[in-house]
C-alpha atoms as a PDB file:
ATOM      1  CA  MET A   1     151.374-108.514  95.402  1.00  0.00           C
ATOM      2  CA  GLU A   2     153.836-108.275  92.514  1.00  0.00           C
ATOM      3  CA  ILE A   3     157.289-106.679  92.276  1.00  0.00           C
ATOM      4  CA  THR A   4     159.228-106.376  89.004  1.00  0.00           C
ATOM      5  CA  GLN A   5     162.964-105.787  88.651  1.00  0.00           C
ATOM      6  CA  LYS A   6     164.541-104.676  85.355  1.00  0.00           C
ATOM      7  CA  LYS A   7     168.150-104.084  84.421  1.00  0.00           C
ATOM      8  CA  ARG A   8     169.011-103.843  80.715  1.00  0.00           C
ATOM      9  CA  SER A   9     167.829-107.152  79.147  1.00  0.00           C
ATOM     10  CA  VAL A  10     167.103-108.810  82.528  1.00  0.00           C
ATOM     11  CA  ASN A  11     163.507-108.862  83.761  1.00  0.00           C
ATOM     12  CA  PHE A  12     162.470-110.557  87.040  1.00  0.00           C
ATOM     13  CA  THR A  13     158.912-110.690  88.391  1.00  0.00           C
ATOM     14  CA  PHE A  14     158.100-111.812  91.931  1.00  0.00           C
ATOM     15  CA  THR A  15     154.423-112.673  92.436  1.00  0.00           C
ATOM     16  CA  PHE A  16     153.469-113.244  96.068  1.00  0.00           C
ATOM     17  CA  GLU A  17     150.478-115.565  96.378  1.00  0.00           C
ATOM     18  CA  GLU A  18     148.829-116.695  99.628  1.00  0.00           C
ATOM     19  CA  SER A  19     150.684-120.014  99.934  1.00  0.00           C
ATOM     20  CA  HIS A  20     153.565-119.735  97.460  1.00  0.00           C
ATOM     21  CA  MET A  21     155.709-117.403  95.380  1.00  0.00           C
ATOM     22  CA  ASN A  22     156.195-117.356  91.615  1.00  0.00           C
ATOM     23  CA  PHE A  23     159.559-116.168  90.280  1.00  0.00           C
ATOM     24  CA  ALA A  24     159.475-115.381  86.547  1.00  0.00           C
ATOM     25  CA  TYR A  25     162.642-114.457  84.668  1.00  0.00           C
ATOM     26  CA  ALA A  26     163.550-113.329  81.159  1.00  0.00           C
ATOM     27  CA  ASP A  27     166.942-112.375  79.741  1.00  0.00           C
ATOM     28  CA  LYS A  28     169.054-112.798  76.598  1.00  0.00           C
ATOM     29  CA  LYS A  29     169.455-116.529  77.309  1.00  0.00           C
ATOM     30  CA  GLY A  30     165.757-117.333  77.686  1.00  0.00           C
ATOM     31  CA  SER A  31     162.811-117.174  80.050  1.00  0.00           C
ATOM     32  CA  GLY A  32     160.893-119.288  82.535  1.00  0.00           C
ATOM     33  CA  ASP A  33     159.340-119.331  85.957  1.00  0.00           C
ATOM     34  CA  ILE A  34     159.290-121.393  89.131  1.00  0.00           C
ATOM     35  CA  ASP A  35     156.791-121.758  91.964  1.00  0.00           C
ATOM     36  CA  LEU A  36     157.941-122.419  95.493  1.00  0.00           C
ATOM     37  CA  ASN A  37     156.497-122.459  98.967  1.00  0.00           C
ATOM     38  CA  TYR A  38     157.812-119.692 101.173  1.00  0.00           C
ATOM     39  CA  ALA A  39     158.968-122.332 103.663  1.00  0.00           C
ATOM     40  CA  ASP A  40     161.313-123.768 100.987  1.00  0.00           C
ATOM     41  CA  PHE A  41     163.139-120.460 100.506  1.00  0.00           C
ATOM     42  CA  PRO A  42     166.736-120.814 101.804  1.00  0.00           C
ATOM     43  CA  LYS A  43     168.132-118.670 104.589  1.00  0.00           C
ATOM     44  CA  LYS A  44     171.532-118.113 102.939  1.00  0.00           C
ATOM     45  CA  CYS A  45     172.456-116.783  99.523  1.00  0.00           C
ATOM     46  CA  SER A  46     175.503-116.273  97.365  1.00  0.00           C
ATOM     47  CA  ILE A  47     176.432-113.114  95.462  1.00  0.00           C
ATOM     48  CA  SER A  48     176.846-113.050  91.694  1.00  0.00           C
ATOM     49  CA  ILE A  49     178.331-110.106  89.788  1.00  0.00           C
ATOM     50  CA  GLU A  50     177.683-109.625  86.086  1.00  0.00           C
ATOM     51  CA  GLN A  51     179.851-107.129  84.229  1.00  0.00           C
ATOM     52  CA  ASN A  52     181.216-106.458  80.771  1.00  0.00           C
ATOM     53  CA  GLU A  53     184.744-107.829  81.160  1.00  0.00           C
ATOM     54  CA  TRP A  54     185.593-107.297  77.491  1.00  0.00           C
ATOM     55  CA  LEU A  55     184.887-103.552  77.780  1.00  0.00           C
ATOM     56  CA  ARG A  56     186.900-103.331  80.995  1.00  0.00           C
ATOM     57  CA  ASN A  57     189.890-105.181  79.487  1.00  0.00           C
ATOM     58  CA  VAL A  58     189.846-103.075  76.306  1.00  0.00           C
ATOM     59  CA  GLY A  59     189.684 -99.977  78.522  1.00  0.00           C
ATOM     60  CA  TYR A  60     192.802-101.110  80.413  1.00  0.00           C
ATOM     61  CA  LEU A  61     194.591-101.746  77.106  1.00  0.00           C
ATOM     62  CA  TRP A  62     193.725 -98.274  75.784  1.00  0.00           C
ATOM     63  CA  MET A  63     194.774 -96.719  79.087  1.00  0.00           C
ATOM     64  CA  ALA A  64     198.151 -98.467  78.781  1.00  0.00           C
ATOM     65  CA  ILE A  65     198.567 -97.278  75.189  1.00  0.00           C
ATOM     66  CA  GLY A  66     197.581 -93.709  76.172  1.00  0.00           C
ATOM     67  CA  THR A  67     199.955 -93.723  79.147  1.00  0.00           C
ATOM     68  CA  PHE A  68     202.783 -94.990  76.922  1.00  0.00           C
ATOM     69  CA  GLN A  69     202.080 -92.237  74.352  1.00  0.00           C
ATOM     70  CA  LEU A  70     202.087 -89.546  77.050  1.00  0.00           C
ATOM     71  CA  GLY A  71     205.271 -90.929  78.612  1.00  0.00           C
ATOM     72  CA  ALA A  72     207.022 -91.115  75.235  1.00  0.00           C
ATOM     73  CA  ALA A  73     205.972 -87.527  74.405  1.00  0.00           C
ATOM     74  CA  ILE A  74     207.211 -86.239  77.771  1.00  0.00           C
ATOM     75  CA  TYR A  75     210.486 -88.153  77.419  1.00  0.00           C
ATOM     76  CA  ALA A  76     211.019 -86.821  73.875  1.00  0.00           C
ATOM     77  CA  ASP A  77     210.010 -83.322  75.001  1.00  0.00           C
ATOM     78  CA  ALA A  78     207.362 -83.378  72.245  1.00  0.00           C
ATOM     79  CA  SER A  79     203.978 -81.701  72.203  1.00  0.00           C
ATOM     80  CA  LEU A  80     201.358 -83.351  74.424  1.00  0.00           C
ATOM     81  CA  SER A  81     198.527 -82.227  72.175  1.00  0.00           C
ATOM     82  CA  GLY A  82     196.249 -85.206  71.415  1.00  0.00           C
ATOM     83  CA  LYS A  83     198.481 -87.674  73.264  1.00  0.00           C
ATOM     84  CA  GLY A  84     195.934 -88.323  76.057  1.00  0.00           C
ATOM     85  CA  PHE A  85     193.155 -89.416  73.688  1.00  0.00           C
ATOM     86  CA  TRP A  86     193.548 -93.176  74.217  1.00  0.00           C
ATOM     87  CA  LEU A  87     194.050 -92.702  77.943  1.00  0.00           C
ATOM     88  CA  MET A  88     190.747 -90.798  78.134  1.00  0.00           C
ATOM     89  CA  ILE A  89     188.892 -93.389  76.008  1.00  0.00           C
ATOM     90  CA  GLY A  90     190.314 -96.160  78.210  1.00  0.00           C
ATOM     91  CA  LEU A  91     189.196 -94.388  81.396  1.00  0.00           C
ATOM     92  CA  ILE A  92     185.675 -93.971  79.975  1.00  0.00           C
ATOM     93  CA  CYS A  93     185.489 -97.685  79.059  1.00  0.00           C
ATOM     94  CA  VAL A  94     186.688 -98.816  82.501  1.00  0.00           C
ATOM     95  CA  ALA A  95     184.255 -96.452  84.244  1.00  0.00           C
ATOM     96  CA  TRP A  96     181.389 -97.619  82.002  1.00  0.00           C
ATOM     97  CA  ALA A  97     182.212-101.289  82.726  1.00  0.00           C
ATOM     98  CA  HIS A  98     182.332-100.555  86.461  1.00  0.00           C
ATOM     99  CA  PHE A  99     179.053 -98.634  86.696  1.00  0.00           C
ATOM    100  CA  SER A 100     177.144-100.998  84.398  1.00  0.00           C
ATOM    101  CA  LYS A 101     177.863-104.116  86.474  1.00  0.00           C
ATOM    102  CA  THR A 102     174.937-105.842  88.156  1.00  0.00           C
ATOM    103  CA  LYS A 103     175.010-107.617  91.524  1.00  0.00           C
ATOM    104  CA  TYR A 104     172.574-110.404  92.348  1.00  0.00           C
ATOM    105  CA  SER A 105     171.657-112.246  95.529  1.00  0.00           C
ATOM    106  CA  VAL A 106     171.352-115.877  94.404  1.00  0.00           C
ATOM    107  CA  PHE A 107     169.188-118.360  96.324  1.00  0.00           C
ATOM    108  CA  SER A 108     169.447-122.044  95.371  1.00  0.00           C
ATOM    109  CA  THR A 109     166.287-124.076  95.977  1.00  0.00           C
ATOM    110  CA  ASP A 110     165.163-127.604  95.078  1.00  0.00           C
ATOM    111  CA  HIS A 111     162.863-126.073  92.440  1.00  0.00           C
ATOM    112  CA  GLY A 112     165.469-123.816  90.796  1.00  0.00           C
ATOM    113  CA  THR A 113     167.578-120.741  91.388  1.00  0.00           C
ATOM    114  CA  VAL A 114     166.080-117.406  92.416  1.00  0.00           C
ATOM    115  CA  HIS A 115     168.037-114.252  91.533  1.00  0.00           C
ATOM    116  CA  VAL A 116     167.278-110.910  93.175  1.00  0.00           C
ATOM    117  CA  ILE A 117     168.939-107.821  91.667  1.00  0.00           C
ATOM    118  CA  GLN A 118     170.611-105.712  94.326  1.00  0.00           C
ATOM    119  CA  ASP A 119     168.657-102.535  93.598  1.00  0.00           C
ATOM    120  CA  LYS A 120     166.078-100.384  95.413  1.00  0.00           C
ATOM    121  CA  HIS A 121     163.586-103.306  95.475  1.00  0.00           C
ATOM    122  CA  HIS A 122     166.056-105.893  96.815  1.00  0.00           C
ATOM    123  CA  ASP A 123     165.387-105.461 100.543  1.00  0.00           C
ATOM    124  CA  THR A 124     161.615-105.179 100.028  1.00  0.00           C
ATOM    125  CA  ILE A 125     161.568-108.508  98.142  1.00  0.00           C
ATOM    126  CA  ILE A 126     163.754-110.336 100.681  1.00  0.00           C
ATOM    127  CA  ASN A 127     161.803-108.940 103.647  1.00  0.00           C
ATOM    128  CA  GLU A 128     158.473-109.935 102.082  1.00  0.00           C
ATOM    129  CA  ILE A 129     159.711-113.475 101.381  1.00  0.00           C
ATOM    130  CA  ASN A 130     161.092-113.863 104.911  1.00  0.00           C
ATOM    131  CA  LYS A 131     157.915-112.486 106.501  1.00  0.00           C
ATOM    132  CA  ARG A 132     155.759-114.917 104.519  1.00  0.00           C
ATOM    133  CA  LYS A 133     158.217-117.783 105.134  1.00  0.00           C
ATOM    134  CA  ASN A 134     158.059-117.253 108.901  1.00  0.00           C
ATOM    135  CA  GLN A 135     154.268-117.132 108.827  1.00  0.00           C
ATOM    136  CA  GLN A 136     154.048-120.302 106.731  1.00  0.00           C
ATOM    137  CA  LEU A 137     156.463-122.189 109.004  1.00  0.00           C
ATOM    138  CA  LEU A 138     154.466-121.004 112.015  1.00  0.00           C
ATOM    139  CA  ASP A 139     151.206-122.152 110.391  1.00  0.00           C
ATOM    140  CA  TRP A 140     152.689-125.544 109.522  1.00  0.00           C
ATOM    141  CA  TYR A 141     154.775-126.273 112.617  1.00  0.00           C
ATOM    142  CA  GLY A 142     153.886-123.714 115.312  1.00  0.00           C
ATOM    143  CA  GLU A 143     151.516-125.886 117.349  1.00  0.00           C
ATOM    144  CA  ILE A 144     152.380-128.854 119.525  1.00  0.00           C
ATOM    145  CA  ASN A 145     151.646-132.187 117.835  1.00  0.00           C
ATOM    146  CA  LEU A 146     152.103-135.077 120.277  1.00  0.00           C
ATOM    147  CA  GLU A 147     151.792-137.626 117.462  1.00  0.00           C
ATOM    148  CA  ASN A 148     155.382-136.713 116.502  1.00  0.00           C
ATOM    149  CA  GLY A 149     156.689-137.608 119.947  1.00  0.00           C
ATOM    150  CA  ILE A 150     157.796-135.201 122.636  1.00  0.00           C
ATOM    151  CA  GLU A 151     161.518-135.370 121.817  1.00  0.00           C
ATOM    152  CA  ASN A 152     160.852-134.620 118.129  1.00  0.00           C
ATOM    153  CA  GLU A 153     158.583-131.731 119.101  1.00  0.00           C
ATOM    154  CA  ILE A 154     161.292-130.248 121.348  1.00  0.00           C
ATOM    155  CA  LYS A 155     163.735-130.471 118.411  1.00  0.00           C
ATOM    156  CA  LYS A 156     161.121-128.875 116.135  1.00  0.00           C
ATOM    157  CA  PHE A 157     160.745-125.829 118.360  1.00  0.00           C
ATOM    158  CA  THR A 158     164.526-125.511 118.675  1.00  0.00           C
ATOM    159  CA  TRP A 159     164.725-125.557 114.860  1.00  0.00           C
ATOM    160  CA  LEU A 160     161.979-122.914 114.592  1.00  0.00           C
ATOM    161  CA  GLU A 161     164.000-120.755 116.977  1.00  0.00           C
ATOM    162  CA  GLU A 162     167.138-121.231 114.835  1.00  0.00           C
ATOM    163  CA  GLN A 163     165.120-120.184 111.756  1.00  0.00           C
ATOM    164  CA  ASN A 164     164.079-116.979 113.604  1.00  0.00           C
ATOM    165  CA  VAL A 165     160.424-118.017 113.336  1.00  0.00           C
ATOM    166  CA  LEU A 166     160.078-118.076 117.123  1.00  0.00           C
ATOM    167  CA  THR A 167     161.899-115.922 119.628  1.00  0.00           C
ATOM    168  CA  LYS A 168     163.917-117.671 122.339  1.00  0.00           C
ATOM    169  CA  GLU A 169     161.169-116.861 124.847  1.00  0.00           C
ATOM    170  CA  GLN A 170     158.419-118.314 122.615  1.00  0.00           C
ATOM    171  CA  ALA A 171     160.445-121.484 121.969  1.00  0.00           C
ATOM    172  CA  ASP A 172     161.215-121.818 125.700  1.00  0.00           C
ATOM    173  CA  VAL A 173     157.477-121.669 126.487  1.00  0.00           C
ATOM    174  CA  LYS A 174     156.721-124.439 123.947  1.00  0.00           C
ATOM    175  CA  ARG A 175     159.598-126.601 125.222  1.00  0.00           C
ATOM    176  CA  ALA A 176     158.462-126.076 128.830  1.00  0.00           C
ATOM    177  CA  GLN A 177     154.925-127.138 127.863  1.00  0.00           C
ATOM    178  CA  LEU A 178     156.334-130.284 126.256  1.00  0.00           C
ATOM    179  CA  GLU A 179     158.535-131.090 129.242  1.00  0.00           C
ATOM    180  CA  LEU A 180     155.505-130.648 131.529  1.00  0.00           C
ATOM    181  CA  MET A 181     153.485-133.008 129.298  1.00  0.00           C
ATOM    182  CA  GLN A 182     156.366-135.479 129.391  1.00  0.00           C
ATOM    183  CA  ALA A 183     156.533-135.296 133.204  1.00  0.00           C
ATOM    184  CA  GLU A 184     152.741-135.699 133.503  1.00  0.00           C
ATOM    185  CA  GLY A 185     152.899-138.677 131.135  1.00  0.00           C
ATOM    186  CA  SER A 186     155.593-140.295 133.286  1.00  0.00           C
ATOM    187  CA  GLN A 187     153.552-139.729 136.456  1.00  0.00           C
ATOM    188  CA  ASN A 188     150.413-141.188 134.858  1.00  0.00           C
ATOM    189  CA  SER A 189     152.277-144.284 133.675  1.00  0.00           C
ATOM    190  CA  ASN A 190     153.861-144.749 137.135  1.00  0.00           C
ATOM    191  CA  SER A 191     150.503-144.380 138.924  1.00  0.00           C
ATOM    192  CA  SER A 192     148.857-146.884 136.574  1.00  0.00           C
ATOM    193  CA  LEU A 193     151.617-149.405 137.381  1.00  0.00           C
ATOM    194  CA  ASN A 194     150.906-149.067 141.111  1.00  0.00           C
END
């Protein structure tokens, strides 16, 4: 499965493989790609906003000049014809800067940073990553492994619950199984001592 996001010179491609994801990026600054396991994808993100600040600031300046010209014309009781030109140009520049800004969800990983444009594909990409992440964590850590020790296994299932991989009920069942194994182990060791 592959999803591509484009916004002006920015091009992101998310390729969903069986065991990992490839994030390829290209923009004015360069290009590259990173591979990461779904399990390594962070739960939290930050928001980054990219906008043309120069255009916005010039727009504010022209709006100020246009407002001053209109005010001076009204004060001098002069004709207002053509006096709102710079105000109108300034409004257009500020509106253009506002509507051309791009918001990103930014996920920092050990392998690099993954940016997801907040557009119509945003939620589909995040949901697909989270679905595959949960499945991978379940495949890796979902079964009881007594070699890790019962206490560590109880902590593992609590962590899987915190990651929303297991529901509270599913985690409670696994913890109850472990506590039962622990109790049976204690009984067996006591009976062997007698």
